[in-house]
Amino acid sequence: LLVHHEERLTAIAGMLGAAGRLTAFEVCTALFGDKLGIHQLRF
């Protein structure tokens, strides 16, 4: 789990670097997809 979260932080930093800037929702859909229901999307 510790490794998992460090890898996710690295992945998000890479997204920001590539895109220039992103909203949290854009990061959310890049990580988790856009096919979630409201319960899962909130998480």
PDB file of all heavy atoms in Angstrom:
ATOM      1  N   LEU A   1       0.819  -1.210   0.000  1.00  0.00           N
ATOM      2  CA  LEU A   1       0.000   0.000   0.000  1.00  0.00           C
ATOM      3  C   LEU A   1       0.855   1.263   0.000  1.00  0.00           C
ATOM      4  O   LEU A   1       0.531   2.247  -0.672  1.00  0.00           O
ATOM      5  CB  LEU A   1      -0.939  -0.007   1.211  1.00  0.00           C
ATOM      6  CG  LEU A   1      -2.102  -0.995   1.135  1.00  0.00           C
ATOM      7  CD1 LEU A   1      -2.789  -1.117   2.489  1.00  0.00           C
ATOM      8  CD2 LEU A   1      -3.118  -0.585   0.073  1.00  0.00           C
ATOM      9  N   LEU A   2       1.951   1.259   0.749  1.00  0.00           N
ATOM     10  CA  LEU A   2       2.850   2.419   0.746  1.00  0.00           C
ATOM     11  C   LEU A   2       3.413   2.658  -0.648  1.00  0.00           C
ATOM     12  O   LEU A   2       3.448   3.804  -1.140  1.00  0.00           O
ATOM     13  CB  LEU A   2       3.984   2.204   1.755  1.00  0.00           C
ATOM     14  CG  LEU A   2       3.582   2.247   3.234  1.00  0.00           C
ATOM     15  CD1 LEU A   2       4.732   1.758   4.113  1.00  0.00           C
ATOM     16  CD2 LEU A   2       3.162   3.646   3.657  1.00  0.00           C
ATOM     17  N   VAL A   3       3.848   1.591  -1.302  1.00  0.00           N
ATOM     18  CA  VAL A   3       4.380   1.706  -2.662  1.00  0.00           C
ATOM     19  C   VAL A   3       3.288   2.185  -3.616  1.00  0.00           C
ATOM     20  O   VAL A   3       3.511   3.058  -4.470  1.00  0.00           O
ATOM     21  CB  VAL A   3       4.967   0.362  -3.131  1.00  0.00           C
ATOM     22  CG1 VAL A   3       5.281   0.393  -4.624  1.00  0.00           C
ATOM     23  CG2 VAL A   3       6.222   0.028  -2.330  1.00  0.00           C
ATOM     24  N   HIS A   4       2.109   1.621  -3.467  1.00  0.00           N
ATOM     25  CA  HIS A   4       0.969   1.976  -4.329  1.00  0.00           C
ATOM     26  C   HIS A   4       0.698   3.479  -4.316  1.00  0.00           C
ATOM     27  O   HIS A   4       0.524   4.104  -5.373  1.00  0.00           O
ATOM     28  CB  HIS A   4      -0.251   1.201  -3.839  1.00  0.00           C
ATOM     29  CG  HIS A   4      -1.572   1.695  -4.347  1.00  0.00           C
ATOM     30  ND1 HIS A   4      -1.930   1.649  -5.676  1.00  0.00           N
ATOM     31  CD2 HIS A   4      -2.633   2.231  -3.691  1.00  0.00           C
ATOM     32  CE1 HIS A   4      -3.147   2.141  -5.820  1.00  0.00           C
ATOM     33  NE2 HIS A   4      -3.590   2.497  -4.635  1.00  0.00           N
ATOM     34  N   HIS A   5       0.674   4.073  -3.139  1.00  0.00           N
ATOM     35  CA  HIS A   5       0.353   5.503  -3.068  1.00  0.00           C
ATOM     36  C   HIS A   5       1.503   6.366  -3.578  1.00  0.00           C
ATOM     37  O   HIS A   5       1.259   7.419  -4.189  1.00  0.00           O
ATOM     38  CB  HIS A   5      -0.060   5.874  -1.649  1.00  0.00           C
ATOM     39  CG  HIS A   5      -1.455   5.434  -1.332  1.00  0.00           C
ATOM     40  ND1 HIS A   5      -2.575   6.046  -1.846  1.00  0.00           N
ATOM     41  CD2 HIS A   5      -1.912   4.402  -0.578  1.00  0.00           C
ATOM     42  CE1 HIS A   5      -3.664   5.428  -1.419  1.00  0.00           C
ATOM     43  NE2 HIS A   5      -3.283   4.429  -0.641  1.00  0.00           N
ATOM     44  N   GLU A   6       2.738   5.963  -3.357  1.00  0.00           N
ATOM     45  CA  GLU A   6       3.847   6.729  -3.930  1.00  0.00           C
ATOM     46  C   GLU A   6       3.816   6.655  -5.453  1.00  0.00           C
ATOM     47  O   GLU A   6       4.092   7.649  -6.137  1.00  0.00           O
ATOM     48  CB  GLU A   6       5.184   6.201  -3.390  1.00  0.00           C
ATOM     49  CG  GLU A   6       5.405   6.475  -1.903  1.00  0.00           C
ATOM     50  CD  GLU A   6       5.377   7.958  -1.542  1.00  0.00           C
ATOM     51  OE1 GLU A   6       5.784   8.803  -2.377  1.00  0.00           O
ATOM     52  OE2 GLU A   6       4.934   8.280  -0.420  1.00  0.00           O
ATOM     53  N   GLU A   7       3.471   5.492  -5.982  1.00  0.00           N
ATOM     54  CA  GLU A   7       3.364   5.365  -7.438  1.00  0.00           C
ATOM     55  C   GLU A   7       2.234   6.233  -7.978  1.00  0.00           C
ATOM     56  O   GLU A   7       2.363   6.838  -9.050  1.00  0.00           O
ATOM     57  CB  GLU A   7       3.138   3.899  -7.816  1.00  0.00           C
ATOM     58  CG  GLU A   7       4.369   3.026  -7.626  1.00  0.00           C
ATOM     59  CD  GLU A   7       4.124   1.578  -7.976  1.00  0.00           C
ATOM     60  OE1 GLU A   7       2.936   1.168  -8.078  1.00  0.00           O
ATOM     61  OE2 GLU A   7       5.108   0.840  -8.144  1.00  0.00           O
ATOM     62  N   ARG A   8       1.133   6.295  -7.243  1.00  0.00           N
ATOM     63  CA  ARG A   8       0.037   7.141  -7.699  1.00  0.00           C
ATOM     64  C   ARG A   8       0.434   8.614  -7.666  1.00  0.00           C
ATOM     65  O   ARG A   8       0.113   9.376  -8.586  1.00  0.00           O
ATOM     66  CB  ARG A   8      -1.205   6.909  -6.838  1.00  0.00           C
ATOM     67  CG  ARG A   8      -2.340   7.867  -7.204  1.00  0.00           C
ATOM     68  CD  ARG A   8      -3.650   7.469  -6.565  1.00  0.00           C
ATOM     69  NE  ARG A   8      -4.155   6.258  -7.181  1.00  0.00           N
ATOM     70  CZ  ARG A   8      -5.143   5.531  -6.641  1.00  0.00           C
ATOM     71  NH1 ARG A   8      -5.651   5.879  -5.479  1.00  0.00           N
ATOM     72  NH2 ARG A   8      -5.579   4.464  -7.266  1.00  0.00           N
ATOM     73  N   LEU A   9       1.130   9.047  -6.629  1.00  0.00           N
ATOM     74  CA  LEU A   9       1.602  10.436  -6.578  1.00  0.00           C
ATOM     75  C   LEU A   9       2.510  10.744  -7.752  1.00  0.00           C
ATOM     76  O   LEU A   9       2.409  11.811  -8.380  1.00  0.00           O
ATOM     77  CB  LEU A   9       2.322  10.682  -5.255  1.00  0.00           C
ATOM     78  CG  LEU A   9       1.431  10.727  -4.003  1.00  0.00           C
ATOM     79  CD1 LEU A   9       2.285  10.647  -2.741  1.00  0.00           C
ATOM     80  CD2 LEU A   9       0.574  11.987  -3.980  1.00  0.00           C
ATOM     81  N   THR A  10       3.396   9.813  -8.072  1.00  0.00           N
ATOM     82  CA  THR A  10       4.294  10.004  -9.216  1.00  0.00           C
ATOM     83  C   THR A  10       3.506  10.087 -10.516  1.00  0.00           C
ATOM     84  O   THR A  10       3.787  10.927 -11.382  1.00  0.00           O
ATOM     85  CB  THR A  10       5.316   8.852  -9.288  1.00  0.00           C
ATOM     86  OG1 THR A  10       6.087   8.840  -8.086  1.00  0.00           O
ATOM     87  CG2 THR A  10       6.237   9.001 -10.485  1.00  0.00           C
ATOM     88  N   ALA A  11       2.500   9.230 -10.646  1.00  0.00           N
ATOM     89  CA  ALA A  11       1.688   9.232 -11.860  1.00  0.00           C
ATOM     90  C   ALA A  11       0.934  10.552 -12.020  1.00  0.00           C
ATOM     91  O   ALA A  11       0.866  11.113 -13.129  1.00  0.00           O
ATOM     92  CB  ALA A  11       0.706   8.068 -11.825  1.00  0.00           C
ATOM     93  N   ILE A  12       0.384  11.067 -10.923  1.00  0.00           N
ATOM     94  CA  ILE A  12      -0.356  12.328 -11.003  1.00  0.00           C
ATOM     95  C   ILE A  12       0.584  13.480 -11.332  1.00  0.00           C
ATOM     96  O   ILE A  12       0.253  14.365 -12.143  1.00  0.00           O
ATOM     97  CB  ILE A  12      -1.116  12.584  -9.689  1.00  0.00           C
ATOM     98  CG1 ILE A  12      -2.214  11.539  -9.499  1.00  0.00           C
ATOM     99  CG2 ILE A  12      -1.719  13.995  -9.677  1.00  0.00           C
ATOM    100  CD1 ILE A  12      -2.915  11.611  -8.156  1.00  0.00           C
ATOM    101  N   ALA A  13       1.756  13.498 -10.713  1.00  0.00           N
ATOM    102  CA  ALA A  13       2.735  14.539 -11.037  1.00  0.00           C
ATOM    103  C   ALA A  13       3.092  14.489 -12.517  1.00  0.00           C
ATOM    104  O   ALA A  13       3.246  15.535 -13.170  1.00  0.00           O
ATOM    105  CB  ALA A  13       3.982  14.369 -10.178  1.00  0.00           C
ATOM    106  N   GLY A  14       3.210  13.287 -13.064  1.00  0.00           N
ATOM    107  CA  GLY A  14       3.480  13.145 -14.491  1.00  0.00           C
ATOM    108  C   GLY A  14       2.352  13.687 -15.348  1.00  0.00           C
ATOM    109  O   GLY A  14       2.590  14.332 -16.384  1.00  0.00           O
ATOM    110  N   MET A  15       1.104  13.444 -14.929  1.00  0.00           N
ATOM    111  CA  MET A  15      -0.042  13.989 -15.654  1.00  0.00           C
ATOM    112  C   MET A  15      -0.002  15.521 -15.681  1.00  0.00           C
ATOM    113  O   MET A  15      -0.240  16.147 -16.716  1.00  0.00           O
ATOM    114  CB  MET A  15      -1.346  13.553 -14.988  1.00  0.00           C
ATOM    115  CG  MET A  15      -1.694  12.100 -15.070  1.00  0.00           C
ATOM    116  SD  MET A  15      -3.243  11.834 -14.149  1.00  0.00           S
ATOM    117  CE  MET A  15      -3.167  10.068 -13.939  1.00  0.00           C
ATOM    118  N   LEU A  16       0.272  16.101 -14.511  1.00  0.00           N
ATOM    119  CA  LEU A  16       0.322  17.565 -14.432  1.00  0.00           C
ATOM    120  C   LEU A  16       1.427  18.126 -15.314  1.00  0.00           C
ATOM    121  O   LEU A  16       1.238  19.148 -15.990  1.00  0.00           O
ATOM    122  CB  LEU A  16       0.528  18.005 -12.981  1.00  0.00           C
ATOM    123  CG  LEU A  16      -0.557  17.616 -11.968  1.00  0.00           C
ATOM    124  CD1 LEU A  16      -0.184  18.130 -10.571  1.00  0.00           C
ATOM    125  CD2 LEU A  16      -1.922  18.155 -12.372  1.00  0.00           C
ATOM    126  N   GLY A  17       2.578  17.445 -15.287  1.00  0.00           N
ATOM    127  CA  GLY A  17       3.687  17.908 -16.105  1.00  0.00           C
ATOM    128  C   GLY A  17       3.371  17.841 -17.590  1.00  0.00           C
ATOM    129  O   GLY A  17       3.719  18.753 -18.360  1.00  0.00           O
ATOM    130  N   ALA A  18       2.693  16.794 -17.999  1.00  0.00           N
ATOM    131  CA  ALA A  18       2.379  16.623 -19.419  1.00  0.00           C
ATOM    132  C   ALA A  18       1.285  17.580 -19.888  1.00  0.00           C
ATOM    133  O   ALA A  18       1.327  18.090 -21.013  1.00  0.00           O
ATOM    134  CB  ALA A  18       1.955  15.175 -19.676  1.00  0.00           C
ATOM    135  N   ALA A  19       0.304  17.829 -19.035  1.00  0.00           N
ATOM    136  CA  ALA A  19      -0.844  18.641 -19.439  1.00  0.00           C
ATOM    137  C   ALA A  19      -0.633  20.133 -19.193  1.00  0.00           C
ATOM    138  O   ALA A  19      -1.320  20.960 -19.787  1.00  0.00           O
ATOM    139  CB  ALA A  19      -2.091  18.178 -18.698  1.00  0.00           C
ATOM    140  N   GLY A  20       0.283  20.477 -18.298  1.00  0.00           N
ATOM    141  CA  GLY A  20       0.477  21.877 -17.927  1.00  0.00           C
ATOM    142  C   GLY A  20      -0.346  22.242 -16.715  1.00  0.00           C
ATOM    143  O   GLY A  20       0.170  22.737 -15.728  1.00  0.00           O
ATOM    144  N   ARG A  21      -1.649  21.988 -16.785  1.00  0.00           N
ATOM    145  CA  ARG A  21      -2.517  22.191 -15.627  1.00  0.00           C
ATOM    146  C   ARG A  21      -3.751  21.306 -15.793  1.00  0.00           C
ATOM    147  O   ARG A  21      -4.189  21.019 -16.917  1.00  0.00           O
ATOM    148  CB  ARG A  21      -2.922  23.651 -15.474  1.00  0.00           C
ATOM    149  CG  ARG A  21      -3.849  24.150 -16.572  1.00  0.00           C
ATOM    150  CD  ARG A  21      -4.339  25.549 -16.302  1.00  0.00           C
ATOM    151  NE  ARG A  21      -5.484  25.877 -17.183  1.00  0.00           N
ATOM    152  CZ  ARG A  21      -6.165  26.999 -17.116  1.00  0.00           C
ATOM    153  NH1 ARG A  21      -5.836  27.929 -16.220  1.00  0.00           N
ATOM    154  NH2 ARG A  21      -7.196  27.211 -17.927  1.00  0.00           N
ATOM    155  N   LEU A  22      -4.324  20.892 -14.673  1.00  0.00           N
ATOM    156  CA  LEU A  22      -5.510  20.044 -14.674  1.00  0.00           C
ATOM    157  C   LEU A  22      -6.371  20.380 -13.471  1.00  0.00           C
ATOM    158  O   LEU A  22      -5.856  20.763 -12.418  1.00  0.00           O
ATOM    159  CB  LEU A  22      -5.129  18.555 -14.605  1.00  0.00           C
ATOM    160  CG  LEU A  22      -4.380  17.940 -15.784  1.00  0.00           C
ATOM    161  CD1 LEU A  22      -3.862  16.552 -15.404  1.00  0.00           C
ATOM    162  CD2 LEU A  22      -5.292  17.854 -17.009  1.00  0.00           C
ATOM    163  N   THR A  23      -7.674  20.213 -13.612  1.00  0.00           N
ATOM    164  CA  THR A  23      -8.544  20.263 -12.448  1.00  0.00           C
ATOM    165  C   THR A  23      -8.483  18.904 -11.742  1.00  0.00           C
ATOM    166  O   THR A  23      -8.076  17.895 -12.321  1.00  0.00           O
ATOM    167  CB  THR A  23     -10.007  20.537 -12.838  1.00  0.00           C
ATOM    168  OG1 THR A  23     -10.509  19.442 -13.615  1.00  0.00           O
ATOM    169  CG2 THR A  23     -10.131  21.840 -13.621  1.00  0.00           C
ATOM    170  N   ALA A  24      -8.946  18.884 -10.504  1.00  0.00           N
ATOM    171  CA  ALA A  24      -9.008  17.614  -9.782  1.00  0.00           C
ATOM    172  C   ALA A  24      -9.948  16.637 -10.483  1.00  0.00           C
ATOM    173  O   ALA A  24      -9.701  15.424 -10.491  1.00  0.00           O
ATOM    174  CB  ALA A  24      -9.463  17.845  -8.341  1.00  0.00           C
ATOM    175  N   PHE A  25     -11.023  17.139 -11.084  1.00  0.00           N
ATOM    176  CA  PHE A  25     -11.940  16.238 -11.785  1.00  0.00           C
ATOM    177  C   PHE A  25     -11.261  15.613 -12.996  1.00  0.00           C
ATOM    178  O   PHE A  25     -11.482  14.427 -13.292  1.00  0.00           O
ATOM    179  CB  PHE A  25     -13.207  16.979 -12.215  1.00  0.00           C
ATOM    180  CG  PHE A  25     -14.240  16.074 -12.822  1.00  0.00           C
ATOM    181  CD1 PHE A  25     -15.000  15.231 -12.011  1.00  0.00           C
ATOM    182  CD2 PHE A  25     -14.456  16.044 -14.196  1.00  0.00           C
ATOM    183  CE1 PHE A  25     -15.955  14.378 -12.559  1.00  0.00           C
ATOM    184  CE2 PHE A  25     -15.396  15.193 -14.748  1.00  0.00           C
ATOM    185  CZ  PHE A  25     -16.150  14.358 -13.933  1.00  0.00           C
ATOM    186  N   GLU A  26     -10.437  16.364 -13.698  1.00  0.00           N
ATOM    187  CA  GLU A  26      -9.703  15.800 -14.833  1.00  0.00           C
ATOM    188  C   GLU A  26      -8.720  14.726 -14.370  1.00  0.00           C
ATOM    189  O   GLU A  26      -8.560  13.694 -15.030  1.00  0.00           O
ATOM    190  CB  GLU A  26      -8.984  16.915 -15.596  1.00  0.00           C
ATOM    191  CG  GLU A  26      -9.930  17.822 -16.366  1.00  0.00           C
ATOM    192  CD  GLU A  26      -9.239  19.052 -16.930  1.00  0.00           C
ATOM    193  OE1 GLU A  26      -8.303  19.577 -16.288  1.00  0.00           O
ATOM    194  OE2 GLU A  26      -9.659  19.503 -18.014  1.00  0.00           O
ATOM    195  N   VAL A  27      -8.080  14.966 -13.236  1.00  0.00           N
ATOM    196  CA  VAL A  27      -7.190  13.945 -12.675  1.00  0.00           C
ATOM    197  C   VAL A  27      -8.001  12.719 -12.260  1.00  0.00           C
ATOM    198  O   VAL A  27      -7.605  11.572 -12.509  1.00  0.00           O
ATOM    199  CB  VAL A  27      -6.408  14.514 -11.473  1.00  0.00           C
ATOM    200  CG1 VAL A  27      -5.642  13.408 -10.750  1.00  0.00           C
ATOM    201  CG2 VAL A  27      -5.456  15.610 -11.930  1.00  0.00           C
ATOM    202  N   CYS A  28      -9.156  12.969 -11.655  1.00  0.00           N
ATOM    203  CA  CYS A  28     -10.021  11.878 -11.199  1.00  0.00           C
ATOM    204  C   CYS A  28     -10.407  10.964 -12.358  1.00  0.00           C
ATOM    205  O   CYS A  28     -10.294   9.729 -12.264  1.00  0.00           O
ATOM    206  CB  CYS A  28     -11.259  12.472 -10.536  1.00  0.00           C
ATOM    207  SG  CYS A  28     -12.570  11.295 -10.159  1.00  0.00           S
ATOM    208  N   THR A  29     -10.877  11.522 -13.451  1.00  0.00           N
ATOM    209  CA  THR A  29     -11.320  10.689 -14.568  1.00  0.00           C
ATOM    210  C   THR A  29     -10.150  10.026 -15.278  1.00  0.00           C
ATOM    211  O   THR A  29     -10.293   8.927 -15.812  1.00  0.00           O
ATOM    212  CB  THR A  29     -12.145  11.508 -15.571  1.00  0.00           C
ATOM    213  OG1 THR A  29     -11.399  12.655 -15.999  1.00  0.00           O
ATOM    214  CG2 THR A  29     -13.459  11.966 -14.940  1.00  0.00           C
ATOM    215  N   ALA A  30      -8.987  10.669 -15.265  1.00  0.00           N
ATOM    216  CA  ALA A  30      -7.804  10.027 -15.847  1.00  0.00           C
ATOM    217  C   ALA A  30      -7.401   8.801 -15.033  1.00  0.00           C
ATOM    218  O   ALA A  30      -6.973   7.785 -15.593  1.00  0.00           O
ATOM    219  CB  ALA A  30      -6.649  11.022 -15.917  1.00  0.00           C
ATOM    220  N   LEU A  31      -7.553   8.874 -13.719  1.00  0.00           N
ATOM    221  CA  LEU A  31      -7.177   7.757 -12.848  1.00  0.00           C
ATOM    222  C   LEU A  31      -8.231   6.653 -12.834  1.00  0.00           C
ATOM    223  O   LEU A  31      -7.902   5.459 -12.872  1.00  0.00           O
ATOM    224  CB  LEU A  31      -6.978   8.251 -11.409  1.00  0.00           C
ATOM    225  CG  LEU A  31      -5.718   9.036 -11.082  1.00  0.00           C
ATOM    226  CD1 LEU A  31      -5.836   9.616  -9.677  1.00  0.00           C
ATOM    227  CD2 LEU A  31      -4.485   8.161 -11.204  1.00  0.00           C
ATOM    228  N   PHE A  32      -9.489   7.047 -12.731  1.00  0.00           N
ATOM    229  CA  PHE A  32     -10.544   6.095 -12.412  1.00  0.00           C
ATOM    230  C   PHE A  32     -11.550   5.868 -13.524  1.00  0.00           C
ATOM    231  O   PHE A  32     -12.444   5.041 -13.378  1.00  0.00           O
ATOM    232  CB  PHE A  32     -11.295   6.554 -11.155  1.00  0.00           C
ATOM    233  CG  PHE A  32     -10.428   6.666  -9.935  1.00  0.00           C
ATOM    234  CD1 PHE A  32      -9.974   7.902  -9.503  1.00  0.00           C
ATOM    235  CD2 PHE A  32     -10.055   5.544  -9.220  1.00  0.00           C
ATOM    236  CE1 PHE A  32      -9.179   8.014  -8.374  1.00  0.00           C
ATOM    237  CE2 PHE A  32      -9.254   5.639  -8.097  1.00  0.00           C
ATOM    238  CZ  PHE A  32      -8.813   6.877  -7.668  1.00  0.00           C
ATOM    239  N   GLY A  33     -11.443   6.596 -14.623  1.00  0.00           N
ATOM    240  CA  GLY A  33     -12.408   6.461 -15.697  1.00  0.00           C
ATOM    241  C   GLY A  33     -13.626   7.334 -15.482  1.00  0.00           C
ATOM    242  O   GLY A  33     -13.798   7.962 -14.437  1.00  0.00           O
ATOM    243  N   ASP A  34     -14.495   7.366 -16.491  1.00  0.00           N
ATOM    244  CA  ASP A  34     -15.685   8.223 -16.431  1.00  0.00           C
ATOM    245  C   ASP A  34     -16.977   7.414 -16.492  1.00  0.00           C
ATOM    246  O   ASP A  34     -18.026   7.928 -16.875  1.00  0.00           O
ATOM    247  CB  ASP A  34     -15.655   9.258 -17.557  1.00  0.00           C
ATOM    248  CG  ASP A  34     -15.568   8.617 -18.942  1.00  0.00           C
ATOM    249  OD1 ASP A  34     -15.561   7.369 -19.024  1.00  0.00           O
ATOM    250  OD2 ASP A  34     -15.508   9.360 -19.933  1.00  0.00           O
ATOM    251  N   LYS A  35     -16.906   6.160 -16.098  1.00  0.00           N
ATOM    252  CA  LYS A  35     -18.085   5.284 -16.156  1.00  0.00           C
ATOM    253  C   LYS A  35     -18.592   4.917 -14.759  1.00  0.00           C
ATOM    254  O   LYS A  35     -19.330   3.949 -14.602  1.00  0.00           O
ATOM    255  CB  LYS A  35     -17.745   3.992 -16.923  1.00  0.00           C
ATOM    256  CG  LYS A  35     -17.177   4.211 -18.312  1.00  0.00           C
ATOM    257  CD  LYS A  35     -18.135   4.965 -19.222  1.00  0.00           C
ATOM    258  CE  LYS A  35     -17.549   5.103 -20.621  1.00  0.00           C
ATOM    259  NZ  LYS A  35     -18.425   5.950 -21.484  1.00  0.00           N
ATOM    260  N   LEU A  36     -18.216   5.666 -13.752  1.00  0.00           N
ATOM    261  CA  LEU A  36     -18.599   5.358 -12.383  1.00  0.00           C
ATOM    262  C   LEU A  36     -19.981   5.909 -12.056  1.00  0.00           C
ATOM    263  O   LEU A  36     -20.410   6.911 -12.630  1.00  0.00           O
ATOM    264  CB  LEU A  36     -17.586   5.946 -11.400  1.00  0.00           C
ATOM    265  CG  LEU A  36     -16.130   5.505 -11.562  1.00  0.00           C
ATOM    266  CD1 LEU A  36     -15.238   6.297 -10.612  1.00  0.00           C
ATOM    267  CD2 LEU A  36     -15.984   4.016 -11.325  1.00  0.00           C
ATOM    268  N   GLY A  37     -20.660   5.260 -11.110  1.00  0.00           N
ATOM    269  CA  GLY A  37     -21.876   5.831 -10.551  1.00  0.00           C
ATOM    270  C   GLY A  37     -21.526   6.893  -9.531  1.00  0.00           C
ATOM    271  O   GLY A  37     -20.356   7.092  -9.177  1.00  0.00           O
ATOM    272  N   ILE A  38     -22.530   7.586  -9.003  1.00  0.00           N
ATOM    273  CA  ILE A  38     -22.273   8.716  -8.120  1.00  0.00           C
ATOM    274  C   ILE A  38     -21.570   8.283  -6.834  1.00  0.00           C
ATOM    275  O   ILE A  38     -20.707   9.006  -6.316  1.00  0.00           O
ATOM    276  CB  ILE A  38     -23.580   9.486  -7.808  1.00  0.00           C
ATOM    277  CG1 ILE A  38     -23.278  10.800  -7.062  1.00  0.00           C
ATOM    278  CG2 ILE A  38     -24.566   8.611  -7.039  1.00  0.00           C
ATOM    279  CD1 ILE A  38     -22.431  11.778  -7.836  1.00  0.00           C
ATOM    280  N   HIS A  39     -21.887   7.104  -6.310  1.00  0.00           N
ATOM    281  CA  HIS A  39     -21.246   6.637  -5.081  1.00  0.00           C
ATOM    282  C   HIS A  39     -19.744   6.467  -5.292  1.00  0.00           C
ATOM    283  O   HIS A  39     -18.928   6.975  -4.509  1.00  0.00           O
ATOM    284  CB  HIS A  39     -21.884   5.320  -4.646  1.00  0.00           C
ATOM    285  CG  HIS A  39     -21.346   4.757  -3.371  1.00  0.00           C
ATOM    286  ND1 HIS A  39     -21.708   5.243  -2.134  1.00  0.00           N
ATOM    287  CD2 HIS A  39     -20.453   3.766  -3.126  1.00  0.00           C
ATOM    288  CE1 HIS A  39     -21.085   4.572  -1.187  1.00  0.00           C
ATOM    289  NE2 HIS A  39     -20.311   3.669  -1.760  1.00  0.00           N
ATOM    290  N   GLN A  40     -19.376   5.758  -6.352  1.00  0.00           N
ATOM    291  CA  GLN A  40     -17.960   5.537  -6.622  1.00  0.00           C
ATOM    292  C   GLN A  40     -17.261   6.818  -7.070  1.00  0.00           C
ATOM    293  O   GLN A  40     -16.088   7.046  -6.739  1.00  0.00           O
ATOM    294  CB  GLN A  40     -17.789   4.444  -7.676  1.00  0.00           C
ATOM    295  CG  GLN A  40     -18.168   3.058  -7.200  1.00  0.00           C
ATOM    296  CD  GLN A  40     -17.272   2.599  -6.061  1.00  0.00           C
ATOM    297  OE1 GLN A  40     -16.159   3.069  -5.916  1.00  0.00           O
ATOM    298  NE2 GLN A  40     -17.779   1.693  -5.249  1.00  0.00           N
ATOM    299  N   LEU A  41     -17.980   7.668  -7.813  1.00  0.00           N
ATOM    300  CA  LEU A  41     -17.358   8.911  -8.263  1.00  0.00           C
ATOM    301  C   LEU A  41     -17.028   9.815  -7.081  1.00  0.00           C
ATOM    302  O   LEU A  41     -15.998  10.506  -7.074  1.00  0.00           O
ATOM    303  CB  LEU A  41     -18.276   9.637  -9.247  1.00  0.00           C
ATOM    304  CG  LEU A  41     -17.679  10.911  -9.855  1.00  0.00           C
ATOM    305  CD1 LEU A  41     -16.434  10.600 -10.683  1.00  0.00           C
ATOM    306  CD2 LEU A  41     -18.709  11.647 -10.702  1.00  0.00           C
ATOM    307  N   ARG A  42     -17.880   9.815  -6.067  1.00  0.00           N
ATOM    308  CA  ARG A  42     -17.579  10.619  -4.870  1.00  0.00           C
ATOM    309  C   ARG A  42     -16.273  10.157  -4.232  1.00  0.00           C
ATOM    310  O   ARG A  42     -15.406  10.964  -3.893  1.00  0.00           O
ATOM    311  CB  ARG A  42     -18.734  10.525  -3.865  1.00  0.00           C
ATOM    312  CG  ARG A  42     -18.434  11.184  -2.527  1.00  0.00           C
ATOM    313  CD  ARG A  42     -19.671  11.257  -1.662  1.00  0.00           C
ATOM    314  NE  ARG A  42     -20.200   9.964  -1.300  1.00  0.00           N
ATOM    315  CZ  ARG A  42     -19.843   9.286  -0.197  1.00  0.00           C
ATOM    316  NH1 ARG A  42     -18.927   9.789   0.630  1.00  0.00           N
ATOM    317  NH2 ARG A  42     -20.395   8.127   0.076  1.00  0.00           N
ATOM    318  N   PHE A  43     -16.133   8.837  -4.058  1.00  0.00           N
ATOM    319  CA  PHE A  43     -14.885   8.307  -3.515  1.00  0.00           C
ATOM    320  C   PHE A  43     -13.700   8.673  -4.410  1.00  0.00           C
ATOM    321  O   PHE A  43     -12.633   9.065  -3.930  1.00  0.00           O
ATOM    322  CB  PHE A  43     -14.960   6.780  -3.403  1.00  0.00           C
ATOM    323  CG  PHE A  43     -15.674   6.284  -2.185  1.00  0.00           C
ATOM    324  CD1 PHE A  43     -16.694   5.351  -2.302  1.00  0.00           C
ATOM    325  CD2 PHE A  43     -15.340   6.727  -0.917  1.00  0.00           C
ATOM    326  CE1 PHE A  43     -17.356   4.868  -1.181  1.00  0.00           C
ATOM    327  CE2 PHE A  43     -15.989   6.254   0.213  1.00  0.00           C
ATOM    328  CZ  PHE A  43     -17.005   5.320   0.077  1.00  0.00           C
TER     329      PHE A  43
END
